[in-house]
Amino acid sequence: MRTFASAPGRLALGFLATATCVVGLSPAEATVAPADSTVTIQAEGTDLFGKVKSPRASCKADRFVVLFKVIGTRGGGDDSHFANDTTDTDGDWNTGNTGTPGRYYAKVRKTPNCQADSSPTIRVTR
């Protein structure tokens, strides 16, 4: 008569291998590396606008752009959140005419599929 003392161990190992194949190798579940993103900023008078560029369309559309006014030295902890906008399908954003001169830069945050970026600082005059 044959005994199956190790059968539960083989069963658990078989289940683990099957679960790994189902979860780990599914193309639909594959991890996508975040795509590069670039945020630009321009001004015409005190009208601020720019673009989010990326090789991935989903990294251009509907991105939340935050505009900062530089106080003192950029990134010194005292920069002020001045305005924000959400990009259109082409990656364009626009705050409209702010009426406020100063030094500004724009930022986009990292998302699961898109990298973060920060624009250069520009000087805005009336």
Protein backbone atom coordinates (compact mmCIF):
# COMPACT_ATOMS: atom_id res chain seq x y z
CA MET A 1 0.00 0.00 0.00
CA ARG A 2 1.30 3.45 -0.91
CA THR A 3 1.15 6.45 1.44
CA PHE A 4 0.90 10.06 0.32
CA ALA A 5 2.53 11.86 3.23
CA SER A 6 4.07 14.44 0.94
CA ALA A 7 0.94 14.99 -1.18
CA PRO A 8 -0.17 18.15 0.72
CA GLY A 9 3.28 19.66 0.15
CA ARG A 10 3.13 18.87 -3.59
CA LEU A 11 -0.38 20.25 -3.77
CA ALA A 12 0.69 23.54 -2.14
CA LEU A 13 3.71 23.81 -4.43
CA GLY A 14 1.53 23.16 -7.50
CA PHE A 15 -0.98 25.81 -6.38
CA LEU A 16 1.82 28.34 -5.82
CA ALA A 17 3.28 27.69 -9.27
CA THR A 18 -0.15 28.04 -10.91
CA ALA A 19 -0.92 31.27 -9.04
CA THR A 20 2.45 32.73 -10.04
CA CYS A 21 1.84 31.97 -13.71
CA VAL A 22 -1.67 33.42 -13.69
CA VAL A 23 -0.73 36.64 -11.86
CA GLY A 24 2.85 37.22 -12.94
CA LEU A 25 2.76 36.51 -16.65
CA SER A 26 -0.51 38.04 -17.78
CA PRO A 27 0.18 40.66 -20.51
CA ALA A 28 -2.76 42.75 -19.31
CA GLU A 29 -1.22 42.95 -15.85
CA ALA A 30 2.30 43.83 -17.03
CA THR A 31 3.90 46.85 -15.40
CA VAL A 32 4.46 49.80 -17.73
CA ALA A 33 7.51 52.00 -17.13
CA PRO A 34 6.58 55.66 -16.58
CA ALA A 35 6.95 57.72 -19.76
CA ASP A 36 8.99 60.90 -19.93
CA SER A 37 7.05 64.13 -19.44
CA THR A 38 8.17 67.70 -20.10
CA VAL A 39 6.25 70.76 -18.92
CA THR A 40 6.88 74.13 -20.58
CA ILE A 41 5.92 77.66 -19.55
CA GLN A 42 5.61 80.87 -21.58
CA ALA A 43 4.15 84.32 -21.08
CA GLU A 44 2.57 86.99 -23.23
CA GLY A 45 2.37 89.92 -20.88
CA THR A 46 0.92 88.37 -17.72
CA ASP A 47 -0.95 85.60 -19.61
CA LEU A 48 0.77 82.33 -18.61
CA PHE A 49 0.52 79.17 -20.70
CA GLY A 50 2.47 76.10 -21.72
CA LYS A 51 2.40 72.50 -22.79
CA VAL A 52 2.98 69.04 -21.34
CA LYS A 53 4.88 66.93 -23.86
CA SER A 54 5.33 63.16 -23.79
CA PRO A 55 5.66 60.26 -26.20
CA ARG A 56 2.63 58.72 -24.44
CA ALA A 57 -0.71 60.46 -25.24
CA SER A 58 -2.13 59.67 -21.79
CA CYS A 59 0.75 61.66 -20.25
CA LYS A 60 -0.28 64.81 -22.16
CA ALA A 61 -4.06 64.88 -21.66
CA ASP A 62 -5.73 65.68 -18.35
CA ARG A 63 -2.48 66.39 -16.47
CA PHE A 64 -2.76 68.70 -13.47
CA VAL A 65 -0.29 71.59 -13.86
CA VAL A 66 0.63 73.67 -10.81
CA LEU A 67 2.09 77.15 -11.27
CA PHE A 68 4.42 78.51 -8.59
CA LYS A 69 5.49 82.10 -7.98
CA VAL A 70 9.12 82.29 -6.87
CA ILE A 71 9.66 84.05 -3.56
CA GLY A 72 13.35 84.49 -2.79
CA THR A 73 15.30 81.56 -4.27
CA ARG A 74 13.46 78.94 -6.35
CA GLY A 75 12.84 75.81 -4.32
CA GLY A 76 13.85 77.54 -1.10
CA GLY A 77 10.63 76.43 0.60
CA ASP A 78 8.85 79.74 0.32
CA ASP A 79 7.58 79.56 -3.28
CA SER A 80 3.86 80.25 -3.49
CA HIS A 81 1.26 78.01 -5.20
CA PHE A 82 -0.11 80.65 -7.53
CA ALA A 83 -2.47 78.92 -9.98
CA ASN A 84 -3.26 75.60 -11.63
CA ASP A 85 -4.86 74.19 -14.74
CA THR A 86 -5.57 70.81 -16.35
CA THR A 87 -4.17 70.10 -19.80
CA ASP A 88 -6.39 69.52 -22.81
CA THR A 89 -5.99 66.50 -25.12
CA ASP A 90 -2.99 68.13 -26.86
CA GLY A 91 -1.23 68.85 -23.56
CA ASP A 92 -1.94 72.61 -23.61
CA TRP A 93 -2.59 74.52 -20.37
CA ASN A 94 -3.35 78.20 -19.74
CA THR A 95 -3.97 80.21 -16.59
CA GLY A 96 -5.33 83.19 -18.46
CA ASN A 97 -4.26 86.73 -17.69
CA THR A 98 -3.07 86.74 -14.09
CA GLY A 99 -2.19 90.45 -14.04
CA THR A 100 0.72 89.67 -11.73
CA PRO A 101 4.35 90.17 -12.76
CA GLY A 102 7.07 88.05 -11.14
CA ARG A 103 9.08 84.88 -11.62
CA TYR A 104 7.14 81.65 -12.24
CA TYR A 105 7.61 77.95 -12.97
CA ALA A 106 5.23 75.06 -13.63
CA LYS A 107 5.21 71.50 -12.31
CA VAL A 108 3.42 68.25 -13.14
CA ARG A 109 3.34 65.42 -10.62
CA LYS A 110 4.30 61.83 -11.26
CA THR A 111 1.46 59.45 -12.08
CA PRO A 112 1.66 55.64 -12.28
CA ASN A 113 2.41 55.87 -16.04
CA CYS A 114 4.03 59.33 -16.36
CA GLN A 115 7.13 60.97 -14.92
CA ALA A 116 7.08 64.29 -13.06
CA ASP A 117 8.68 67.43 -14.43
CA SER A 118 9.39 71.03 -13.57
CA SER A 119 9.75 73.85 -16.11
CA PRO A 120 12.49 76.46 -16.15
CA THR A 121 11.73 79.71 -14.30
CA ILE A 122 10.53 82.65 -16.42
CA ARG A 123 10.21 86.35 -15.60
CA VAL A 124 6.78 87.84 -16.30
CA THR A 125 6.33 91.59 -16.87
CA ARG A 126 3.34 93.70 -17.85
